[in-house]
Amino acid sequence: MGYHDSKLTLIDLRDLVEAHLGKPLAASTHAGLWRCPACSPEHHGLLLVSADEYKCLSGYVCDGGASEWMQNIDQAPDEPLMIGVPA
């Protein structure tokens, strides 16, 4: 899911996270919910991801593991890429 033309590439972050973490624990048409891969099990962190934003709901400073799963983006070197920013 996403939009592509020669000037702009939008990637649905839910697709990236699902490719990395598997199916969400819960999902709606607007967002999905996964266990946060960056938080320890004691923190019970949940990662909320929409098409263009993500946020760890653990209450701790956390990027939701984005540094890991965003490295898996296949992109041509000269192709622009727009992705969401932490909410």
PDB file of N, CA and C in Angstrom:
ATOM      1  N   MET A   1       0.848  -1.165   0.000  1.00  0.00           N
ATOM      2  CA  MET A   1       0.000   0.000   0.000  1.00  0.00           C
ATOM      3  C   MET A   1       0.889   1.221   0.000  1.00  0.00           C
ATOM      4  N   GLY A   2       0.571   2.195  -0.711  1.00  0.00           N
ATOM      5  CA  GLY A   2       1.377   3.389  -0.818  1.00  0.00           C
ATOM      6  C   GLY A   2       1.141   4.024  -2.166  1.00  0.00           C
ATOM      7  N   TYR A   3       1.794   5.112  -2.412  1.00  0.00           N
ATOM      8  CA  TYR A   3       1.586   5.837  -3.644  1.00  0.00           C
ATOM      9  C   TYR A   3       2.947   6.067  -4.259  1.00  0.00           C
ATOM     10  N   HIS A   4       3.021   5.929  -5.572  1.00  0.00           N
ATOM     11  CA  HIS A   4       4.305   6.121  -6.240  1.00  0.00           C
ATOM     12  C   HIS A   4       4.095   6.876  -7.537  1.00  0.00           C
ATOM     13  N   ASP A   5       4.882   7.886  -7.755  1.00  0.00           N
ATOM     14  CA  ASP A   5       5.015   8.480  -9.078  1.00  0.00           C
ATOM     15  C   ASP A   5       6.464   8.908  -9.213  1.00  0.00           C
ATOM     16  N   SER A   6       6.815   9.494 -10.325  1.00  0.00           N
ATOM     17  CA  SER A   6       8.221   9.789 -10.573  1.00  0.00           C
ATOM     18  C   SER A   6       8.790  10.854  -9.651  1.00  0.00           C
ATOM     19  N   LYS A   7       7.949  11.661  -8.998  1.00  0.00           N
ATOM     20  CA  LYS A   7       8.444  12.743  -8.158  1.00  0.00           C
ATOM     21  C   LYS A   7       8.349  12.450  -6.663  1.00  0.00           C
ATOM     22  N   LEU A   8       7.495  11.517  -6.274  1.00  0.00           N
ATOM     23  CA  LEU A   8       7.212  11.340  -4.864  1.00  0.00           C
ATOM     24  C   LEU A   8       6.905   9.876  -4.577  1.00  0.00           C
ATOM     25  N   THR A   9       7.460   9.370  -3.496  1.00  0.00           N
ATOM     26  CA  THR A   9       7.141   8.015  -3.060  1.00  0.00           C
ATOM     27  C   THR A   9       6.670   8.081  -1.613  1.00  0.00           C
ATOM     28  N   LEU A  10       5.459   7.630  -1.400  1.00  0.00           N
ATOM     29  CA  LEU A  10       4.933   7.525  -0.049  1.00  0.00           C
ATOM     30  C   LEU A  10       4.830   6.052   0.289  1.00  0.00           C
ATOM     31  N   ILE A  11       5.304   5.686   1.438  1.00  0.00           N
ATOM     32  CA  ILE A  11       5.245   4.304   1.886  1.00  0.00           C
ATOM     33  C   ILE A  11       4.352   4.254   3.111  1.00  0.00           C
ATOM     34  N   ASP A  12       3.410   3.337   3.116  1.00  0.00           N
ATOM     35  CA  ASP A  12       2.553   3.150   4.275  1.00  0.00           C
ATOM     36  C   ASP A  12       3.386   2.458   5.356  1.00  0.00           C
ATOM     37  N   LEU A  13       3.605   3.128   6.451  1.00  0.00           N
ATOM     38  CA  LEU A  13       4.450   2.583   7.513  1.00  0.00           C
ATOM     39  C   LEU A  13       3.901   1.282   8.077  1.00  0.00           C
ATOM     40  N   ARG A  14       2.590   1.097   8.028  1.00  0.00           N
ATOM     41  CA  ARG A  14       2.004  -0.153   8.518  1.00  0.00           C
ATOM     42  C   ARG A  14       2.521  -1.347   7.725  1.00  0.00           C
ATOM     43  N   ASP A  15       2.731  -1.162   6.428  1.00  0.00           N
ATOM     44  CA  ASP A  15       3.270  -2.245   5.602  1.00  0.00           C
ATOM     45  C   ASP A  15       4.702  -2.583   5.998  1.00  0.00           C
ATOM     46  N   LEU A  16       5.502  -1.558   6.273  1.00  0.00           N
ATOM     47  CA  LEU A  16       6.888  -1.792   6.694  1.00  0.00           C
ATOM     48  C   LEU A  16       6.943  -2.529   8.023  1.00  0.00           C
ATOM     49  N   VAL A  17       6.124  -2.088   8.973  1.00  0.00           N
ATOM     50  CA  VAL A  17       6.130  -2.711  10.291  1.00  0.00           C
ATOM     51  C   VAL A  17       5.611  -4.143  10.204  1.00  0.00           C
ATOM     52  N   GLU A  18       4.569  -4.361   9.421  1.00  0.00           N
ATOM     53  CA  GLU A  18       4.038  -5.713   9.285  1.00  0.00           C
ATOM     54  C   GLU A  18       5.055  -6.644   8.636  1.00  0.00           C
ATOM     55  N   ALA A  19       5.816  -6.149   7.677  1.00  0.00           N
ATOM     56  CA  ALA A  19       6.859  -6.963   7.054  1.00  0.00           C
ATOM     57  C   ALA A  19       7.931  -7.347   8.067  1.00  0.00           C
ATOM     58  N   HIS A  20       8.184  -6.466   9.029  1.00  0.00           N
ATOM     59  CA  HIS A  20       9.232  -6.701  10.026  1.00  0.00           C
ATOM     60  C   HIS A  20       8.722  -7.458  11.255  1.00  0.00           C
ATOM     61  N   LEU A  21       7.510  -7.128  11.709  1.00  0.00           N
ATOM     62  CA  LEU A  21       7.005  -7.678  12.973  1.00  0.00           C
ATOM     63  C   LEU A  21       5.856  -8.674  12.819  1.00  0.00           C
ATOM     64  N   GLY A  22       5.336  -8.829  11.615  1.00  0.00           N
ATOM     65  CA  GLY A  22       4.203  -9.724  11.420  1.00  0.00           C
ATOM     66  C   GLY A  22       2.886  -8.983  11.575  1.00  0.00           C
ATOM     67  N   LYS A  23       1.809  -9.751  11.617  1.00  0.00           N
ATOM     68  CA  LYS A  23       0.466  -9.173  11.711  1.00  0.00           C
ATOM     69  C   LYS A  23       0.304  -8.381  13.014  1.00  0.00           C
ATOM     70  N   PRO A  24      -0.468  -7.282  12.977  1.00  0.00           N
ATOM     71  CA  PRO A  24      -0.679  -6.496  14.195  1.00  0.00           C
ATOM     72  C   PRO A  24      -1.562  -7.226  15.197  1.00  0.00           C
ATOM     73  N   LEU A  25      -1.442  -6.836  16.461  1.00  0.00           N
ATOM     74  CA  LEU A  25      -2.309  -7.371  17.513  1.00  0.00           C
ATOM     75  C   LEU A  25      -3.746  -6.923  17.283  1.00  0.00           C
ATOM     76  N   ALA A  26      -3.898  -5.700  16.800  1.00  0.00           N
ATOM     77  CA  ALA A  26      -5.204  -5.124  16.485  1.00  0.00           C
ATOM     78  C   ALA A  26      -4.994  -4.119  15.359  1.00  0.00           C
ATOM     79  N   ALA A  27      -6.030  -3.924  14.553  1.00  0.00           N
ATOM     80  CA  ALA A  27      -5.906  -2.976  13.447  1.00  0.00           C
ATOM     81  C   ALA A  27      -7.270  -2.389  13.108  1.00  0.00           C
ATOM     82  N   SER A  28      -7.229  -1.180  12.603  1.00  0.00           N
ATOM     83  CA  SER A  28      -8.416  -0.522  12.072  1.00  0.00           C
ATOM     84  C   SER A  28      -8.030   0.005  10.696  1.00  0.00           C
ATOM     85  N   THR A  29      -8.917   0.742  10.067  1.00  0.00           N
ATOM     86  CA  THR A  29      -8.578   1.321   8.766  1.00  0.00           C
ATOM     87  C   THR A  29      -7.556   2.440   8.903  1.00  0.00           C
ATOM     88  N   HIS A  30      -7.352   2.946  10.118  1.00  0.00           N
ATOM     89  CA  HIS A  30      -6.452   4.079  10.331  1.00  0.00           C
ATOM     90  C   HIS A  30      -5.112   3.721  10.962  1.00  0.00           C
ATOM     91  N   ALA A  31      -5.038   2.633  11.729  1.00  0.00           N
ATOM     92  CA  ALA A  31      -3.801   2.324  12.456  1.00  0.00           C
ATOM     93  C   ALA A  31      -3.740   0.853  12.833  1.00  0.00           C
ATOM     94  N   GLY A  32      -2.523   0.412  13.134  1.00  0.00           N
ATOM     95  CA  GLY A  32      -2.288  -0.934  13.641  1.00  0.00           C
ATOM     96  C   GLY A  32      -1.545  -0.855  14.957  1.00  0.00           C
ATOM     97  N   LEU A  33      -1.639  -1.916  15.746  1.00  0.00           N
ATOM     98  CA  LEU A  33      -1.020  -1.951  17.070  1.00  0.00           C
ATOM     99  C   LEU A  33      -0.175  -3.216  17.194  1.00  0.00           C
ATOM    100  N   TRP A  34       1.117  -3.035  17.489  1.00  0.00           N
ATOM    101  CA  TRP A  34       2.062  -4.142  17.662  1.00  0.00           C
ATOM    102  C   TRP A  34       2.714  -4.018  19.024  1.00  0.00           C
ATOM    103  N   ARG A  35       3.304  -5.100  19.512  1.00  0.00           N
ATOM    104  CA  ARG A  35       4.173  -5.005  20.691  1.00  0.00           C
ATOM    105  C   ARG A  35       5.426  -4.254  20.229  1.00  0.00           C
ATOM    106  N   CYS A  36       5.872  -3.314  21.027  1.00  0.00           N
ATOM    107  CA  CYS A  36       7.041  -2.526  20.654  1.00  0.00           C
ATOM    108  C   CYS A  36       8.292  -3.407  20.718  1.00  0.00           C
ATOM    109  N   PRO A  37       9.017  -3.537  19.597  1.00  0.00           N
ATOM    110  CA  PRO A  37      10.203  -4.385  19.586  1.00  0.00           C
ATOM    111  C   PRO A  37      11.393  -3.776  20.328  1.00  0.00           C
ATOM    112  N   ALA A  38      11.343  -2.478  20.599  1.00  0.00           N
ATOM    113  CA  ALA A  38      12.468  -1.811  21.256  1.00  0.00           C
ATOM    114  C   ALA A  38      12.324  -1.784  22.774  1.00  0.00           C
ATOM    115  N   CYS A  39      11.111  -1.981  23.282  1.00  0.00           N
ATOM    116  CA  CYS A  39      10.878  -1.948  24.728  1.00  0.00           C
ATOM    117  C   CYS A  39      11.033  -3.337  25.328  1.00  0.00           C
ATOM    118  N   SER A  40      11.485  -3.370  26.570  1.00  0.00           N
ATOM    119  CA  SER A  40      11.586  -4.649  27.266  1.00  0.00           C
ATOM    120  C   SER A  40      10.176  -5.139  27.599  1.00  0.00           C
ATOM    121  N   PRO A  41      10.002  -6.444  27.767  1.00  0.00           N
ATOM    122  CA  PRO A  41       8.675  -6.973  28.110  1.00  0.00           C
ATOM    123  C   PRO A  41       8.096  -6.367  29.396  1.00  0.00           C
ATOM    124  N   GLU A  42       8.967  -5.955  30.322  1.00  0.00           N
ATOM    125  CA  GLU A  42       8.494  -5.350  31.562  1.00  0.00           C
ATOM    126  C   GLU A  42       7.795  -4.013  31.328  1.00  0.00           C
ATOM    127  N   HIS A  43       8.146  -3.331  30.251  1.00  0.00           N
ATOM    128  CA  HIS A  43       7.523  -2.038  29.948  1.00  0.00           C
ATOM    129  C   HIS A  43       6.181  -2.202  29.250  1.00  0.00           C
ATOM    130  N   HIS A  44       5.889  -3.389  28.734  1.00  0.00           N
ATOM    131  CA  HIS A  44       4.631  -3.658  28.031  1.00  0.00           C
ATOM    132  C   HIS A  44       4.364  -2.620  26.952  1.00  0.00           C
ATOM    133  N   GLY A  45       5.406  -2.244  26.220  1.00  0.00           N
ATOM    134  CA  GLY A  45       5.271  -1.214  25.194  1.00  0.00           C
ATOM    135  C   GLY A  45       4.457  -1.688  24.005  1.00  0.00           C
ATOM    136  N   LEU A  46       3.568  -0.823  23.563  1.00  0.00           N
ATOM    137  CA  LEU A  46       2.801  -1.075  22.357  1.00  0.00           C
ATOM    138  C   LEU A  46       3.165  -0.016  21.332  1.00  0.00           C
ATOM    139  N   LEU A  47       3.294  -0.422  20.092  1.00  0.00           N
ATOM    140  CA  LEU A  47       3.664   0.469  19.005  1.00  0.00           C
ATOM    141  C   LEU A  47       2.423   0.737  18.171  1.00  0.00           C
ATOM    142  N   LEU A  48       1.992   1.993  18.121  1.00  0.00           N
ATOM    143  CA  LEU A  48       0.844   2.420  17.340  1.00  0.00           C
ATOM    144  C   LEU A  48       1.374   2.987  16.027  1.00  0.00           C
ATOM    145  N   VAL A  49       0.901   2.441  14.910  1.00  0.00           N
ATOM    146  CA  VAL A  49       1.416   2.850  13.602  1.00  0.00           C
ATOM    147  C   VAL A  49       0.259   3.172  12.673  1.00  0.00           C
ATOM    148  N   SER A  50       0.302   4.362  12.090  1.00  0.00           N
ATOM    149  CA  SER A  50      -0.648   4.732  11.040  1.00  0.00           C
ATOM    150  C   SER A  50       0.121   4.754   9.728  1.00  0.00           C
ATOM    151  N   ALA A  51      -0.499   5.229   8.678  1.00  0.00           N
ATOM    152  CA  ALA A  51       0.155   5.238   7.368  1.00  0.00           C
ATOM    153  C   ALA A  51       1.421   6.088   7.358  1.00  0.00           C
ATOM    154  N   ASP A  52       1.445   7.173   8.146  1.00  0.00           N
ATOM    155  CA  ASP A  52       2.589   8.079   8.076  1.00  0.00           C
ATOM    156  C   ASP A  52       3.163   8.498   9.431  1.00  0.00           C
ATOM    157  N   GLU A  53       2.707   7.873  10.522  1.00  0.00           N
ATOM    158  CA  GLU A  53       3.236   8.194  11.848  1.00  0.00           C
ATOM    159  C   GLU A  53       3.328   6.930  12.688  1.00  0.00           C
ATOM    160  N   TYR A  54       4.178   6.985  13.687  1.00  0.00           N
ATOM    161  CA  TYR A  54       4.279   5.879  14.636  1.00  0.00           C
ATOM    162  C   TYR A  54       4.614   6.435  16.008  1.00  0.00           C
ATOM    163  N   LYS A  55       4.198   5.702  17.046  1.00  0.00           N
ATOM    164  CA  LYS A  55       4.492   6.149  18.402  1.00  0.00           C
ATOM    165  C   LYS A  55       4.469   4.944  19.328  1.00  0.00           C
ATOM    166  N   CYS A  56       5.473   4.853  20.186  1.00  0.00           N
ATOM    167  CA  CYS A  56       5.492   3.836  21.219  1.00  0.00           C
ATOM    168  C   CYS A  56       4.648   4.368  22.380  1.00  0.00           C
ATOM    169  N   LEU A  57       3.725   3.534  22.857  1.00  0.00           N
ATOM    170  CA  LEU A  57       2.814   3.951  23.916  1.00  0.00           C
ATOM    171  C   LEU A  57       3.264   3.501  25.306  1.00  0.00           C
ATOM    172  N   SER A  58       4.536   3.148  25.452  1.00  0.00           N
ATOM    173  CA  SER A  58       5.030   2.650  26.734  1.00  0.00           C
ATOM    174  C   SER A  58       5.178   3.734  27.791  1.00  0.00           C
ATOM    175  N   GLY A  59       5.295   4.988  27.364  1.00  0.00           N
ATOM    176  CA  GLY A  59       5.535   6.073  28.309  1.00  0.00           C
ATOM    177  C   GLY A  59       7.021   6.338  28.520  1.00  0.00           C
ATOM    178  N   TYR A  60       7.877   5.541  27.888  1.00  0.00           N
ATOM    179  CA  TYR A  60       9.324   5.714  27.974  1.00  0.00           C
ATOM    180  C   TYR A  60       9.820   6.310  26.663  1.00  0.00           C
ATOM    181  N   VAL A  61      10.996   6.912  26.679  1.00  0.00           N
ATOM    182  CA  VAL A  61      11.582   7.444  25.452  1.00  0.00           C
ATOM    183  C   VAL A  61      11.962   6.265  24.565  1.00  0.00           C
ATOM    184  N   CYS A  62      11.362   6.198  23.392  1.00  0.00           N
ATOM    185  CA  CYS A  62      11.546   5.035  22.536  1.00  0.00           C
ATOM    186  C   CYS A  62      11.185   5.414  21.104  1.00  0.00           C
ATOM    187  N   ASP A  63      11.942   4.914  20.131  1.00  0.00           N
ATOM    188  CA  ASP A  63      11.615   5.178  18.727  1.00  0.00           C
ATOM    189  C   ASP A  63      10.802   4.044  18.113  1.00  0.00           C
ATOM    190  N   GLY A  64      10.356   3.103  18.921  1.00  0.00           N
ATOM    191  CA  GLY A  64       9.545   2.004  18.429  1.00  0.00           C
ATOM    192  C   GLY A  64      10.301   1.008  17.573  1.00  0.00           C
ATOM    193  N   GLY A  65      11.628   1.047  17.619  1.00  0.00           N
ATOM    194  CA  GLY A  65      12.423   0.133  16.806  1.00  0.00           C
ATOM    195  C   GLY A  65      12.578   0.596  15.375  1.00  0.00           C
ATOM    196  N   ALA A  66      12.186   1.846  15.116  1.00  0.00           N
ATOM    197  CA  ALA A  66      12.205   2.362  13.745  1.00  0.00           C
ATOM    198  C   ALA A  66      13.588   2.295  13.115  1.00  0.00           C
ATOM    199  N   SER A  67      14.626   2.464  13.905  1.00  0.00           N
ATOM    200  CA  SER A  67      15.978   2.412  13.349  1.00  0.00           C
ATOM    201  C   SER A  67      16.260   1.056  12.713  1.00  0.00           C
ATOM    202  N   GLU A  68      15.602  -0.003  13.212  1.00  0.00           N
ATOM    203  CA  GLU A  68      15.768  -1.339  12.633  1.00  0.00           C
ATOM    204  C   GLU A  68      14.908  -1.533  11.399  1.00  0.00           C
ATOM    205  N   TRP A  69      13.581  -1.348  11.542  1.00  0.00           N
ATOM    206  CA  TRP A  69      12.716  -1.723  10.439  1.00  0.00           C
ATOM    207  C   TRP A  69      12.732  -0.743   9.289  1.00  0.00           C
ATOM    208  N   MET A  70      13.183   0.487   9.483  1.00  0.00           N
ATOM    209  CA  MET A  70      13.278   1.411   8.355  1.00  0.00           C
ATOM    210  C   MET A  70      14.494   1.127   7.483  1.00  0.00           C
ATOM    211  N   GLN A  71      15.444   0.352   7.984  1.00  0.00           N
ATOM    212  CA  GLN A  71      16.590  -0.030   7.169  1.00  0.00           C
ATOM    213  C   GLN A  71      16.201  -1.026   6.090  1.00  0.00           C
ATOM    214  N   ASN A  72      15.039  -1.633   6.204  1.00  0.00           N
ATOM    215  CA  ASN A  72      14.590  -2.638   5.252  1.00  0.00           C
ATOM    216  C   ASN A  72      13.886  -2.045   4.047  1.00  0.00           C
ATOM    217  N   ILE A  73      13.864  -0.738   3.923  1.00  0.00           N
ATOM    218  CA  ILE A  73      13.195  -0.098   2.799  1.00  0.00           C
ATOM    219  C   ILE A  73      14.039  -0.300   1.541  1.00  0.00           C
ATOM    220  N   ASP A  74      13.423  -0.895   0.527  1.00  0.00           N
ATOM    221  CA  ASP A  74      14.088  -1.032  -0.771  1.00  0.00           C
ATOM    222  C   ASP A  74      13.827   0.241  -1.552  1.00  0.00           C
ATOM    223  N   GLN A  75      14.890   0.906  -1.932  1.00  0.00           N
ATOM    224  CA  GLN A  75      14.748   2.188  -2.601  1.00  0.00           C
ATOM    225  C   GLN A  75      15.887   2.366  -3.580  1.00  0.00           C
ATOM    226  N   ALA A  76      15.560   2.844  -4.756  1.00  0.00           N
ATOM    227  CA  ALA A  76      16.590   3.182  -5.728  1.00  0.00           C
ATOM    228  C   ALA A  76      17.340   4.399  -5.197  1.00  0.00           C
ATOM    229  N   PRO A  77      18.662   4.513  -5.410  1.00  0.00           N
ATOM    230  CA  PRO A  77      19.451   5.589  -4.817  1.00  0.00           C
ATOM    231  C   PRO A  77      18.993   6.998  -5.140  1.00  0.00           C
ATOM    232  N   ASP A  78      18.485   7.242  -6.356  1.00  0.00           N
ATOM    233  CA  ASP A  78      18.097   8.597  -6.735  1.00  0.00           C
ATOM    234  C   ASP A  78      16.608   8.866  -6.549  1.00  0.00           C
ATOM    235  N   GLU A  79      15.891   7.922  -5.984  1.00  0.00           N
ATOM    236  CA  GLU A  79      14.452   8.067  -5.830  1.00  0.00           C
ATOM    237  C   GLU A  79      14.128   8.733  -4.496  1.00  0.00           C
ATOM    238  N   PRO A  80      13.346   9.820  -4.502  1.00  0.00           N
ATOM    239  CA  PRO A  80      12.992  10.469  -3.228  1.00  0.00           C
ATOM    240  C   PRO A  80      12.065   9.570  -2.420  1.00  0.00           C
ATOM    241  N   LEU A  81      12.164   9.677  -1.106  1.00  0.00           N
ATOM    242  CA  LEU A  81      11.347   8.860  -0.226  1.00  0.00           C
ATOM    243  C   LEU A  81      10.819   9.726   0.890  1.00  0.00           C
ATOM    244  N   MET A  82       9.510   9.694   1.096  1.00  0.00           N
ATOM    245  CA  MET A  82       8.904  10.418   2.207  1.00  0.00           C
ATOM    246  C   MET A  82       8.342   9.387   3.160  1.00  0.00           C
ATOM    247  N   ILE A  83       8.715   9.500   4.413  1.00  0.00           N
ATOM    248  CA  ILE A  83       8.184   8.592   5.426  1.00  0.00           C
ATOM    249  C   ILE A  83       7.696   9.426   6.590  1.00  0.00           C
ATOM    250  N   GLY A  84       6.917   8.815   7.466  1.00  0.00           N
ATOM    251  CA  GLY A  84       6.383   9.533   8.610  1.00  0.00           C
ATOM    252  C   GLY A  84       7.448   9.841   9.633  1.00  0.00           C
ATOM    253  N   VAL A  85       7.101  10.680  10.537  1.00  0.00           N
ATOM    254  CA  VAL A  85       7.990  11.047  11.644  1.00  0.00           C
ATOM    255  C   VAL A  85       7.316  10.640  12.940  1.00  0.00           C
ATOM    256  N   PRO A  86       8.071  10.451  13.992  1.00  0.00           N
ATOM    257  CA  PRO A  86       7.432  10.087  15.251  1.00  0.00           C
ATOM    258  C   PRO A  86       6.379  11.105  15.661  1.00  0.00           C
ATOM    259  N   ALA A  87       5.270  10.609  16.132  1.00  0.00           N
ATOM    260  CA  ALA A  87       4.167  11.509  16.540  1.00  0.00           C
ATOM    261  C   ALA A  87       4.490  12.193  17.846  1.00  0.00           C
TER     262      ALA A  87
END
